[in-house]
Amino acid sequence: MIEMLSQKMNFEYELVSPRSGKFGERNLETGEWDGIVGDLVSGETDFAVTALKMYSEREEVIDFVAPYFEQTGISIVMRKPVRETSLFKFMTVLRLEVWISIIAALIVTAVMIWLMDKYSPYSSRNNRQAYPYPCREFTLRESFWFALTSFTPQGGGEAPKAISGRILVAAYWLFVVLMLATFTANLAAFLTVERMQTPVQSLDQLARQSRINYTVVEGSDTHQYFINMKFAEDTLYRMWKELALNASRNFHKFRVWDYPIKEQYGHILLSINSSMPVKNAEHGFRKVNERESADFAFIHDSAEIKYEITRNCNLTEVGEVFAEQPYAVAIQQGSHLAVYTKKKISKICVSTITFSRQDELSYALLELQKDRYFEELKAKYWNRSRANCPLSEEQEGITLESLGGVFIATTFGLGLAMITLIVEVFYYKNKEAKLPESTTQVIEVKAAENSIDPTVKACNTDMGEKKITPPPSFASAAFRGRKIPSGITLGHEFKPRKRLLDSTDRLTDGLVNTGDNVSAYVE
């Protein structure tokens, strides 16, 4: 900025630091200023370009030209909290006693369904005449499965037939709907609030809590701001007390304990002093960055905080900016900057100056603002490192750590199903090996009358004897004894193939050789 001003206004400069102090504080006893303001008052410098705010007490001894930067003020910086990741975070939506109550309701409902289906005279089990078709039998295992699957979108399946059982199921379904709606709404709110949640969101919240400590730079403008506000609170309370005690006529309208102004700056200043103010801003930012639990805050100039946030991805600005004031270029009071001898100043040493009025300096600053020169500087030095920061949880969405337990539960169910399948296979094989081998008897196969095809009279199985009727020939089935028209040719004789009676009795084992190669047919 100074280089651009030197080119526009054709002057040379030298950057130096103040002889003592920083920006400038007034000694209450002597009334003298130190720092940059003191150097301007004493004539050691001609004008200063720095993060100098426009205060009314400073304007009494120096002059300010047009503000060159956007409104700044005081802000709060904290470290982004490192949230604890948990694969079963979705389980924390409901408290433990709620989960236990849901499981208890499921068990009690399943037992009640089993009892009602077993003892109700109108259930499908006890009333076979009313339900001749196959119905679902609610055993204890089937009742538990019904109660469990009612929580899924597929539903529980066929409901009990008795009125008492249906009333119980209807009440249970109402409970399931309400619990699912409550869990879904709370899960969405839980994940959203967790992503947006910050420890504190304003200076008032910071003052009302006691877990998070905070501090300022000792002797800075921010520190002085809280000192002044504490003094203003004390002065206002003293005036209120005098007004309340000296009210002769309307004394009933004034009570000392009904003080209308909220006092918080005294508490803030007390907390700052207990946390010990830091020596410089670097120390304050370092203390904030070291607290991964986000239990420490640093109150400082908002412009410097915003710049530090662009350099450190772990920091975040909390709340809104308060006590806003602009940055401005300061000059000597009444100075026309018509100096031709080189002089050391706090930020600039001017020599061979061709302008004669401070209005030219204001005009040059306004030209730079019109050309958006300060926005270019901000984009160049402030936004170059922010792009390297990783995406926050708000930008990248819900992470796998938040819902990983759902996948774990699904994988556990798949694994349990495979283990159960293996157990079922081994159990079935052992049970089948213990059963006695079935015997088969060969039944004589005779040819049926009025038929050209051989027949088999079936095998003797454990289900009993079955009479097998051979199929009729094509001519017998189609024309039923009538004369076959001359235009129809039957071709070869109909020779049906063999098939199995059931899975256990092989037909080939029970065939009787009839001397013909025609295969038997079993109905």
Protein backbone atom coordinates (compact mmCIF):
# COMPACT_ATOMS: atom_id res chain seq x y z
CA MET A 1 0.00 0.00 0.00
CA ILE A 2 2.77 2.42 0.90
CA GLU A 3 4.62 1.54 -2.29
CA MET A 4 1.53 2.29 -4.35
CA LEU A 5 1.05 5.62 -2.55
CA SER A 6 4.69 6.55 -3.19
CA GLN A 7 4.23 5.91 -6.90
CA LYS A 8 1.01 7.88 -7.11
CA MET A 9 2.25 10.85 -5.04
CA ASN A 10 5.96 10.71 -5.97
CA PHE A 11 7.70 10.56 -2.59
CA GLU A 12 10.29 8.39 -0.89
CA TYR A 13 9.75 6.67 2.44
CA GLU A 14 11.39 4.60 5.15
CA LEU A 15 9.62 2.17 7.48
CA VAL A 16 10.54 2.38 11.16
CA SER A 17 9.06 1.29 14.50
CA PRO A 18 7.86 3.58 17.32
CA ARG A 19 10.40 4.59 19.93
CA SER A 20 8.36 3.19 22.83
CA GLY A 21 5.08 1.35 23.23
CA LYS A 22 2.92 0.07 20.42
CA PHE A 23 -0.05 1.89 18.95
CA GLY A 24 -0.22 4.47 21.66
CA GLU A 25 -1.45 4.82 25.23
CA ARG A 26 -1.88 7.97 27.27
CA ASN A 27 -0.35 8.29 30.69
CA LEU A 28 -3.16 9.31 33.02
CA GLU A 29 -0.83 11.20 35.33
CA THR A 30 1.18 13.23 32.79
CA GLY A 31 -1.22 13.09 29.86
CA GLU A 32 1.57 12.17 27.45
CA TRP A 33 1.23 9.56 24.71
CA ASP A 34 3.62 6.81 23.72
CA GLY A 35 3.82 4.53 20.69
CA ILE A 36 2.78 5.65 17.23
CA VAL A 37 0.42 8.32 18.53
CA GLY A 38 3.19 9.74 20.72
CA ASP A 39 5.61 9.94 17.79
CA LEU A 40 3.02 11.78 15.72
CA VAL A 41 2.29 14.22 18.54
CA SER A 42 5.97 14.98 19.13
CA GLY A 43 6.66 15.46 15.41
CA GLU A 44 9.02 12.52 15.10
CA THR A 45 6.93 11.16 12.22
CA ASP A 46 4.76 12.71 9.54
CA PHE A 47 2.11 10.04 9.02
CA ALA A 48 1.56 6.42 9.96
CA VAL A 49 0.09 3.51 8.03
CA THR A 50 -0.72 0.62 10.36
CA ALA A 51 -3.64 -1.15 12.03
CA LEU A 52 -4.50 2.06 13.89
CA LYS A 53 -8.15 2.47 14.85
CA MET A 54 -9.97 5.78 14.99
CA TYR A 55 -10.70 6.63 18.64
CA SER A 56 -12.12 9.89 19.88
CA GLU A 57 -9.30 10.36 22.41
CA ARG A 58 -6.72 9.91 19.65
CA GLU A 59 -8.46 12.44 17.44
CA GLU A 60 -7.85 15.03 20.15
CA VAL A 61 -4.08 14.98 19.47
CA ILE A 62 -3.71 13.65 15.89
CA ASP A 63 -5.69 13.73 12.65
CA PHE A 64 -7.05 10.84 10.59
CA VAL A 65 -7.60 10.78 6.84
CA ALA A 66 -10.14 8.61 5.01
CA PRO A 67 -10.32 5.02 6.32
CA TYR A 68 -8.46 2.69 4.00
CA PHE A 69 -9.83 -0.67 5.21
CA GLU A 70 -13.23 -2.20 5.85
CA GLN A 71 -14.88 -2.01 9.24
CA THR A 72 -12.97 -4.01 11.82
CA GLY A 73 -13.59 -4.64 15.47
CA ILE A 74 -13.20 -7.31 18.13
CA SER A 75 -13.86 -10.98 17.55
CA ILE A 76 -13.42 -14.34 19.27
CA VAL A 77 -11.29 -17.17 17.92
CA MET A 78 -11.35 -20.77 19.10
CA ARG A 79 -10.01 -24.09 17.92
CA LYS A 80 -12.36 -26.33 15.99
CA PRO A 81 -13.37 -29.11 18.37
CA VAL A 82 -12.03 -32.55 17.53
CA ARG A 83 -15.21 -34.59 17.68
CA GLU A 84 -15.04 -38.11 19.00
CA THR A 85 -15.79 -40.59 16.25
CA SER A 86 -17.91 -43.62 16.98
CA LEU A 87 -19.14 -46.30 14.60
CA PHE A 88 -22.33 -46.69 16.65
CA LYS A 89 -23.08 -42.99 17.00
CA PHE A 90 -26.59 -43.55 15.67
CA MET A 91 -27.30 -45.62 18.76
CA THR A 92 -26.75 -42.58 20.97
CA VAL A 93 -29.85 -40.88 19.54
CA LEU A 94 -31.90 -42.71 22.15
CA ARG A 95 -30.80 -43.24 25.70
CA LEU A 96 -30.00 -46.69 27.05
CA GLU A 97 -33.22 -46.96 29.04
CA VAL A 98 -35.23 -46.27 25.88
CA TRP A 99 -33.51 -49.07 23.97
CA ILE A 100 -34.11 -51.44 26.90
CA SER A 101 -37.79 -50.44 26.95
CA ILE A 102 -38.14 -51.12 23.21
CA ILE A 103 -36.63 -54.59 23.58
CA ALA A 104 -38.88 -55.33 26.56
CA ALA A 105 -41.95 -54.22 24.60
CA LEU A 106 -40.95 -56.52 21.72
CA ILE A 107 -40.54 -59.53 24.04
CA VAL A 108 -43.79 -58.92 25.93
CA THR A 109 -45.75 -58.46 22.71
CA ALA A 110 -44.37 -61.67 21.21
CA VAL A 111 -45.30 -63.69 24.31
CA MET A 112 -48.79 -62.17 24.38
CA ILE A 113 -49.39 -63.02 20.72
CA TRP A 114 -48.37 -66.62 21.38
CA LEU A 115 -50.66 -66.91 24.41
CA MET A 116 -53.66 -65.39 22.62
CA ASP A 117 -53.23 -67.61 19.59
CA LYS A 118 -52.88 -70.68 21.81
CA TYR A 119 -55.83 -70.12 24.17
CA SER A 120 -58.28 -68.04 22.16
CA PRO A 121 -61.19 -70.23 20.89
CA TYR A 122 -61.42 -68.04 17.77
CA SER A 123 -57.83 -68.43 16.63
CA SER A 124 -57.01 -70.38 13.49
CA ARG A 125 -55.38 -73.07 15.63
CA ASN A 126 -58.51 -73.69 17.75
CA ASN A 127 -61.16 -72.98 15.12
CA ARG A 128 -60.33 -75.21 12.16
CA GLN A 129 -63.89 -75.18 10.80
CA ALA A 130 -63.82 -71.40 10.24
CA TYR A 131 -60.39 -71.55 8.63
CA PRO A 132 -60.15 -74.73 6.51
CA TYR A 133 -57.31 -73.27 4.43
CA PRO A 134 -53.71 -73.22 5.70
CA CYS A 135 -53.12 -70.39 8.21
CA ARG A 136 -50.09 -69.08 10.02
CA GLU A 137 -49.58 -70.83 13.34
CA PHE A 138 -48.18 -68.44 15.92
CA THR A 139 -45.79 -70.56 17.87
CA LEU A 140 -43.44 -68.86 20.29
CA ARG A 141 -40.72 -68.65 17.67
CA GLU A 142 -43.13 -67.38 15.00
CA SER A 143 -44.49 -64.77 17.41
CA PHE A 144 -41.03 -63.39 18.07
CA TRP A 145 -40.35 -63.25 14.35
CA PHE A 146 -43.63 -61.40 13.77
CA ALA A 147 -42.85 -58.83 16.49
CA LEU A 148 -39.34 -58.29 15.13
CA THR A 149 -40.28 -57.93 11.45
CA SER A 150 -43.04 -55.45 12.32
CA PHE A 151 -40.25 -52.86 12.78
CA THR A 152 -39.25 -53.21 9.12
CA PRO A 153 -40.97 -51.66 6.09
CA GLN A 154 -41.84 -55.19 4.88
CA GLY A 155 -44.23 -55.67 7.79
CA GLY A 156 -44.82 -58.66 10.00
CA GLY A 157 -46.79 -60.75 7.51
CA GLU A 158 -50.06 -62.53 8.23
CA ALA A 159 -51.73 -61.30 11.42
CA PRO A 160 -53.58 -63.44 14.00
CA LYS A 161 -57.20 -64.38 13.24
CA ALA A 162 -58.69 -63.83 16.70
CA ILE A 163 -60.11 -60.40 17.54
CA SER A 164 -58.07 -60.20 20.74
CA GLY A 165 -54.86 -60.92 18.86
CA ARG A 166 -55.66 -58.33 16.21
CA ILE A 167 -56.32 -55.66 18.83
CA LEU A 168 -52.96 -56.42 20.41
CA VAL A 169 -51.21 -56.30 17.02
CA ALA A 170 -52.90 -53.00 16.11
CA ALA A 171 -51.70 -51.40 19.35
CA TYR A 172 -48.22 -52.81 18.77
CA TRP A 173 -48.15 -51.43 15.20
CA LEU A 174 -49.07 -47.98 16.52
CA PHE A 175 -46.17 -48.22 18.96
CA VAL A 176 -43.83 -49.25 16.12
CA VAL A 177 -44.90 -46.34 13.89
CA LEU A 178 -44.39 -43.77 16.64
CA MET A 179 -41.01 -45.17 17.66
CA LEU A 180 -39.72 -45.29 14.08
CA ALA A 181 -40.89 -41.72 13.43
CA THR A 182 -39.27 -40.51 16.66
CA PHE A 183 -35.99 -42.27 15.93
CA THR A 184 -35.86 -40.99 12.33
CA ALA A 185 -36.57 -37.39 13.30
CA ASN A 186 -34.10 -37.42 16.17
CA LEU A 187 -31.39 -39.05 14.05
CA ALA A 188 -31.69 -36.38 11.37
CA ALA A 189 -31.68 -33.59 13.97
CA PHE A 190 -28.80 -35.21 15.86
CA LEU A 191 -26.54 -35.43 12.81
CA THR A 192 -27.43 -31.91 11.66
CA VAL A 193 -26.97 -30.23 15.04
CA GLU A 194 -23.73 -32.09 15.62
CA ARG A 195 -22.29 -30.74 12.39
CA MET A 196 -23.38 -27.17 13.13
CA GLN A 197 -22.69 -27.12 16.83
CA THR A 198 -20.05 -24.79 18.30
CA PRO A 199 -19.17 -24.44 21.99
CA VAL A 200 -20.21 -20.76 22.17
CA GLN A 201 -21.76 -18.47 19.60
CA SER A 202 -21.47 -14.99 21.09
CA LEU A 203 -19.73 -12.90 23.72
CA ASP A 204 -22.76 -13.20 26.01
CA GLN A 205 -22.59 -16.99 25.97
CA LEU A 206 -18.86 -16.84 26.59
CA ALA A 207 -19.42 -14.61 29.62
CA ARG A 208 -22.20 -16.80 31.09
CA GLN A 209 -20.28 -20.09 31.01
CA SER A 210 -17.32 -21.18 33.12
CA ARG A 211 -15.85 -24.15 31.21
CA ILE A 212 -14.06 -22.15 28.52
CA ASN A 213 -11.30 -19.76 29.59
CA TYR A 214 -10.42 -16.72 27.50
CA THR A 215 -7.87 -13.95 27.42
CA VAL A 216 -6.63 -10.90 25.48
CA VAL A 217 -3.31 -9.27 24.66
CA GLU A 218 -2.13 -7.28 27.65
CA GLY A 219 -2.33 -3.54 27.05
CA SER A 220 -3.99 -3.92 23.63
CA ASP A 221 -6.97 -1.99 22.35
CA THR A 222 -9.15 -5.02 23.09
CA HIS A 223 -7.95 -5.09 26.70
CA GLN A 224 -8.58 -1.39 27.03
CA TYR A 225 -12.05 -1.84 25.56
CA PHE A 226 -13.11 -4.21 28.35
CA ILE A 227 -11.53 -1.92 30.95
CA ASN A 228 -13.53 1.01 29.59
CA MET A 229 -16.75 -0.98 29.49
CA LYS A 230 -16.20 -2.13 33.07
CA PHE A 231 -15.70 1.49 34.09
CA ALA A 232 -18.88 2.48 32.23
CA GLU A 233 -20.86 -0.24 34.02
CA ASP A 234 -19.60 0.93 37.42
CA THR A 235 -20.37 4.56 36.59
CA LEU A 236 -23.87 3.78 35.37
CA TYR A 237 -24.65 1.71 38.46
CA ARG A 238 -23.38 4.45 40.73
CA MET A 239 -25.60 6.98 38.96
CA TRP A 240 -28.56 4.59 39.20
CA LYS A 241 -27.97 4.08 42.90
CA GLU A 242 -27.84 7.82 43.53
CA LEU A 243 -30.99 8.30 41.50
CA ALA A 244 -32.83 5.56 43.40
CA LEU A 245 -31.73 6.76 46.84
CA ASN A 246 -32.40 10.44 46.20
CA ALA A 247 -35.81 9.99 44.59
CA SER A 248 -38.13 11.85 47.01
CA ARG A 249 -41.40 11.85 45.10
CA ASN A 250 -41.38 8.73 42.95
CA PHE A 251 -39.28 6.63 45.28
CA HIS A 252 -41.58 3.63 44.77
CA LYS A 253 -40.60 3.58 41.06
CA PHE A 254 -36.87 3.24 41.73
CA ARG A 255 -35.28 0.29 43.45
CA VAL A 256 -31.58 -0.26 43.63
CA TRP A 257 -31.91 -4.00 43.01
CA ASP A 258 -34.03 -3.37 39.87
CA TYR A 259 -31.02 -2.20 37.90
CA PRO A 260 -32.13 -2.26 34.20
CA ILE A 261 -28.69 -2.71 32.62
CA LYS A 262 -27.12 -6.15 32.34
CA GLU A 263 -23.66 -6.24 33.85
CA GLN A 264 -21.27 -8.62 32.12
CA TYR A 265 -18.07 -6.76 31.33
CA GLY A 266 -16.98 -6.80 34.94
CA HIS A 267 -17.28 -10.60 34.94
CA ILE A 268 -15.44 -10.80 31.60
CA LEU A 269 -12.58 -8.64 32.84
CA LEU A 270 -12.34 -10.75 36.00
CA SER A 271 -12.11 -13.95 33.90
CA ILE A 272 -9.47 -12.37 31.67
CA ASN A 273 -7.33 -11.41 34.64
CA SER A 274 -7.67 -14.91 36.12
CA SER A 275 -6.51 -16.46 32.83
CA MET A 276 -3.56 -14.03 32.64
CA PRO A 277 -3.41 -11.78 29.53
CA VAL A 278 -0.83 -12.84 26.95
CA LYS A 279 2.09 -10.70 25.84
CA ASN A 280 1.35 -10.75 22.10
CA ALA A 281 -1.10 -12.13 19.56
CA GLU A 282 1.19 -15.00 18.52
CA HIS A 283 1.14 -16.33 22.07
CA GLY A 284 -2.66 -16.10 22.18
CA PHE A 285 -3.15 -17.95 18.88
CA ARG A 286 -0.69 -20.62 19.98
CA LYS A 287 -2.58 -21.24 23.23
CA VAL A 288 -5.85 -21.60 21.31
CA ASN A 289 -4.30 -24.02 18.82
CA GLU A 290 -2.92 -26.23 21.60
CA ARG A 291 -6.36 -26.83 23.14
CA GLU A 292 -7.81 -29.65 21.05
CA SER A 293 -10.81 -29.85 23.36
CA ALA A 294 -11.80 -26.29 22.32
CA ASP A 295 -11.90 -25.02 25.91
CA PHE A 296 -9.92 -21.81 25.36
CA ALA A 297 -10.78 -18.63 23.46
CA PHE A 298 -8.76 -15.62 22.38
CA ILE A 299 -10.45 -12.22 22.05
CA HIS A 300 -8.58 -9.99 19.66
CA ASP A 301 -8.79 -7.71 16.64
CA SER A 302 -11.15 -9.25 14.08
CA ALA A 303 -8.99 -8.44 11.04
CA GLU A 304 -5.98 -10.16 12.57
CA ILE A 305 -8.14 -13.12 13.60
CA LYS A 306 -9.52 -13.51 10.08
CA TYR A 307 -6.01 -13.42 8.66
CA GLU A 308 -4.79 -16.03 11.15
CA ILE A 309 -7.71 -18.30 10.26
CA THR A 310 -6.57 -18.27 6.62
CA ARG A 311 -3.18 -19.58 7.78
CA ASN A 312 -4.35 -22.12 10.36
CA CYS A 313 -7.10 -24.54 9.37
CA ASN A 314 -7.70 -25.57 12.99
CA LEU A 315 -9.02 -22.15 14.04
CA THR A 316 -12.51 -20.75 13.61
CA GLU A 317 -14.15 -17.42 14.33
CA VAL A 318 -16.97 -17.52 16.87
CA GLY A 319 -19.88 -15.11 16.91
CA GLU A 320 -20.15 -11.73 15.27
CA VAL A 321 -17.77 -8.83 15.29
CA PHE A 322 -18.49 -6.22 17.99
CA ALA A 323 -17.07 -2.78 18.80
CA GLU A 324 -16.54 -2.09 15.10
CA GLN A 325 -14.17 0.70 14.09
CA PRO A 326 -12.22 1.41 10.87
CA TYR A 327 -8.48 1.48 10.18
CA ALA A 328 -7.23 4.86 9.05
CA VAL A 329 -3.98 6.65 8.16
CA ALA A 330 -2.86 9.03 10.96
CA ILE A 331 -0.96 12.26 10.45
CA GLN A 332 0.23 15.12 12.60
CA GLN A 333 -2.46 17.45 13.76
CA GLY A 334 -2.69 20.39 11.34
CA SER A 335 0.11 19.03 9.14
CA HIS A 336 0.19 19.87 5.42
CA LEU A 337 3.02 17.39 4.83
CA ALA A 338 5.17 20.19 3.28
CA VAL A 339 8.42 18.85 4.57
CA TYR A 340 11.59 18.63 2.44
CA THR A 341 14.00 17.26 5.02
CA LYS A 342 14.14 13.57 5.74
CA LYS A 343 12.48 12.65 9.05
CA LYS A 344 12.06 9.30 10.74
CA ILE A 345 8.47 8.32 11.40
CA SER A 346 6.76 5.36 12.97
CA LYS A 347 5.91 3.69 9.70
CA ILE A 348 7.16 6.06 7.01
CA CYS A 349 9.98 8.57 6.54
CA VAL A 350 9.00 11.08 3.87
CA SER A 351 11.40 13.18 1.79
CA THR A 352 11.08 15.26 -1.38
CA ILE A 353 7.29 15.43 -1.11
CA THR A 354 5.60 17.14 -4.02
CA PHE A 355 2.10 17.46 -2.53
CA SER A 356 1.14 20.25 -0.15
CA ARG A 357 -2.13 19.15 1.43
CA GLN A 358 -3.38 16.15 3.33
CA ASP A 359 -6.40 16.18 1.06
CA GLU A 360 -4.16 14.77 -1.66
CA LEU A 361 -3.44 11.77 0.57
CA SER A 362 -7.16 11.24 1.16
CA TYR A 363 -7.79 11.56 -2.58
CA ALA A 364 -5.14 8.94 -3.35
CA LEU A 365 -6.67 6.51 -0.83
CA LEU A 366 -10.11 7.00 -2.35
CA GLU A 367 -8.66 6.29 -5.80
CA LEU A 368 -7.20 3.02 -4.52
CA GLN A 369 -10.54 2.05 -3.01
CA LYS A 370 -12.32 2.84 -6.26
CA ASP A 371 -9.86 0.63 -8.16
CA ARG A 372 -10.53 -2.20 -5.62
CA TYR A 373 -6.85 -2.26 -4.81
CA PHE A 374 -7.38 -3.33 -1.18
CA GLU A 375 -9.61 -6.24 -2.25
CA GLU A 376 -6.79 -7.42 -4.51
CA LEU A 377 -4.32 -7.27 -1.63
CA LYS A 378 -6.68 -9.21 0.61
CA ALA A 379 -7.22 -11.90 -2.02
CA LYS A 380 -3.47 -12.13 -2.62
CA TYR A 381 -2.32 -12.48 1.00
CA TRP A 382 -5.39 -13.85 2.79
CA ASN A 383 -6.90 -16.44 0.46
CA ARG A 384 -3.80 -18.19 -0.81
CA SER A 385 -3.52 -20.74 2.02
CA ARG A 386 -7.20 -21.38 2.83
CA ALA A 387 -7.60 -23.59 -0.23
CA ASN A 388 -5.17 -26.12 1.27
CA CYS A 389 -7.44 -26.82 4.23
CA PRO A 390 -9.28 -30.15 4.16
CA LEU A 391 -13.02 -30.15 3.70
CA SER A 392 -14.97 -29.65 6.87
CA GLU A 393 -17.68 -32.06 7.95
CA GLU A 394 -20.32 -29.52 6.88
CA GLN A 395 -18.93 -29.57 3.32
CA GLU A 396 -18.12 -33.26 2.92
CA GLY A 397 -21.38 -34.57 4.40
CA ILE A 398 -21.92 -37.32 6.92
CA THR A 399 -18.79 -39.43 7.29
CA LEU A 400 -18.55 -43.21 7.46
CA GLU A 401 -17.55 -43.03 11.12
CA SER A 402 -20.98 -41.70 12.01
CA LEU A 403 -22.94 -44.53 10.37
CA GLY A 404 -20.35 -47.30 10.22
CA GLY A 405 -22.23 -49.29 12.84
CA VAL A 406 -25.09 -49.83 10.37
CA PHE A 407 -22.73 -51.63 7.99
CA ILE A 408 -21.22 -53.60 10.86
CA ALA A 409 -24.68 -54.76 11.98
CA THR A 410 -25.55 -55.81 8.42
CA THR A 411 -22.28 -57.70 8.04
CA PHE A 412 -22.88 -59.39 11.38
CA GLY A 413 -26.30 -60.53 10.20
CA LEU A 414 -24.84 -61.96 6.98
CA GLY A 415 -22.15 -63.82 8.91
CA LEU A 416 -24.67 -65.19 11.39
CA ALA A 417 -26.87 -66.38 8.53
CA MET A 418 -23.96 -68.28 6.95
CA ILE A 419 -23.06 -69.92 10.25
CA THR A 420 -26.69 -70.93 10.74
CA LEU A 421 -26.76 -72.44 7.23
CA ILE A 422 -23.73 -74.59 8.03
CA VAL A 423 -25.33 -75.75 11.29
CA GLU A 424 -28.56 -76.62 9.46
CA VAL A 425 -26.72 -78.69 6.84
CA PHE A 426 -24.78 -80.70 9.40
CA TYR A 427 -27.86 -81.20 11.58
CA TYR A 428 -29.92 -82.44 8.64
CA LYS A 429 -27.23 -84.87 7.51
CA ASN A 430 -26.84 -86.33 11.00
CA LYS A 431 -30.61 -86.72 11.33
CA GLU A 432 -30.92 -88.39 7.92
CA ALA A 433 -28.12 -90.84 8.72
CA LYS A 434 -29.96 -92.10 11.82
CA LEU A 435 -33.20 -92.97 9.95
CA PRO A 436 -33.67 -96.68 8.79
CA GLU A 437 -33.38 -97.40 5.09
CA SER A 438 -36.72 -97.65 3.34
CA THR A 439 -37.66 -100.86 1.58
CA THR A 440 -39.40 -101.04 -1.72
CA GLN A 441 -41.52 -103.85 -3.10
CA VAL A 442 -41.89 -104.56 -6.71
CA ILE A 443 -45.51 -104.72 -7.81
CA GLU A 444 -46.54 -106.70 -10.78
CA VAL A 445 -47.26 -104.54 -13.74
CA LYS A 446 -50.19 -105.61 -15.84
CA ALA A 447 -51.55 -104.25 -19.01
CA ALA A 448 -54.84 -102.53 -18.59
CA GLU A 449 -57.80 -103.60 -20.57
CA ASN A 450 -58.71 -101.62 -23.72
CA SER A 451 -55.29 -100.01 -23.71
CA ILE A 452 -52.20 -100.61 -25.79
CA ASP A 453 -49.79 -99.23 -23.22
CA PRO A 454 -48.24 -101.11 -20.31
CA THR A 455 -48.88 -99.92 -16.79
CA VAL A 456 -47.14 -100.01 -13.49
CA LYS A 457 -49.14 -100.48 -10.38
CA ALA A 458 -46.80 -98.31 -8.24
CA CYS A 459 -44.36 -99.05 -5.53
CA ASN A 460 -45.15 -99.73 -1.92
CA THR A 461 -43.91 -96.63 -0.04
CA ASP A 462 -44.25 -95.40 3.51
CA MET A 463 -47.33 -93.42 2.37
CA GLY A 464 -49.22 -96.62 1.52
CA GLU A 465 -50.33 -98.26 -1.67
CA LYS A 466 -51.45 -96.08 -4.55
CA LYS A 467 -53.42 -97.30 -7.54
CA ILE A 468 -51.93 -96.09 -10.78
CA THR A 469 -54.23 -95.72 -13.80
CA PRO A 470 -52.50 -95.85 -17.17
CA PRO A 471 -53.34 -93.10 -19.61
CA PRO A 472 -55.62 -93.95 -22.55
CA SER A 473 -54.33 -94.15 -26.06
CA PHE A 474 -54.61 -91.13 -28.30
CA ALA A 475 -57.40 -92.66 -30.32
CA SER A 476 -59.38 -93.58 -27.21
CA ALA A 477 -58.92 -90.16 -25.63
CA ALA A 478 -59.63 -88.11 -28.75
CA PHE A 479 -62.43 -90.03 -30.46
CA ARG A 480 -63.92 -92.03 -27.56
CA GLY A 481 -64.66 -95.15 -29.64
CA ARG A 482 -65.91 -93.31 -32.70
CA LYS A 483 -64.59 -94.10 -36.13
CA ILE A 484 -61.44 -92.25 -37.02
CA PRO A 485 -61.84 -90.11 -40.14
CA SER A 486 -59.83 -91.13 -43.15
CA GLY A 487 -58.12 -87.72 -43.34
CA ILE A 488 -56.45 -88.16 -39.95
CA THR A 489 -53.27 -90.15 -39.64
CA LEU A 490 -52.31 -91.22 -36.15
CA GLY A 491 -48.73 -92.14 -36.93
CA HIS A 492 -46.83 -94.22 -34.43
CA GLU A 493 -48.34 -95.55 -31.30
CA PHE A 494 -48.39 -93.27 -28.26
CA LYS A 495 -45.53 -94.31 -26.01
CA PRO A 496 -45.41 -92.12 -22.88
CA ARG A 497 -42.17 -91.88 -20.97
CA LYS A 498 -41.57 -92.76 -17.37
CA ARG A 499 -41.40 -90.24 -14.51
CA LEU A 500 -40.93 -90.39 -10.77
CA LEU A 501 -43.64 -91.05 -8.27
CA ASP A 502 -41.86 -89.00 -5.64
CA SER A 503 -38.33 -88.03 -4.63
CA THR A 504 -37.67 -91.19 -2.61
CA ASP A 505 -39.03 -93.95 -4.87
CA ARG A 506 -37.12 -94.43 -8.09
CA LEU A 507 -39.35 -95.82 -10.81
CA THR A 508 -36.54 -97.71 -12.44
CA ASP A 509 -36.19 -99.84 -9.31
CA GLY A 510 -39.82 -100.99 -9.46
CA LEU A 511 -40.29 -101.78 -13.16
CA VAL A 512 -41.24 -105.29 -14.24
CA ASN A 513 -39.92 -106.56 -17.49
CA THR A 514 -42.95 -107.23 -19.70
CA GLY A 515 -41.02 -108.22 -22.72
CA ASP A 516 -41.70 -104.93 -24.43
CA ASN A 517 -39.37 -101.97 -24.70
CA VAL A 518 -42.21 -99.53 -24.07
CA SER A 519 -41.56 -97.47 -20.94
CA ALA A 520 -44.15 -97.47 -18.21
CA TYR A 521 -46.03 -94.32 -17.21
CA VAL A 522 -46.89 -93.56 -13.59
CA GLU A 523 -49.57 -90.97 -12.70
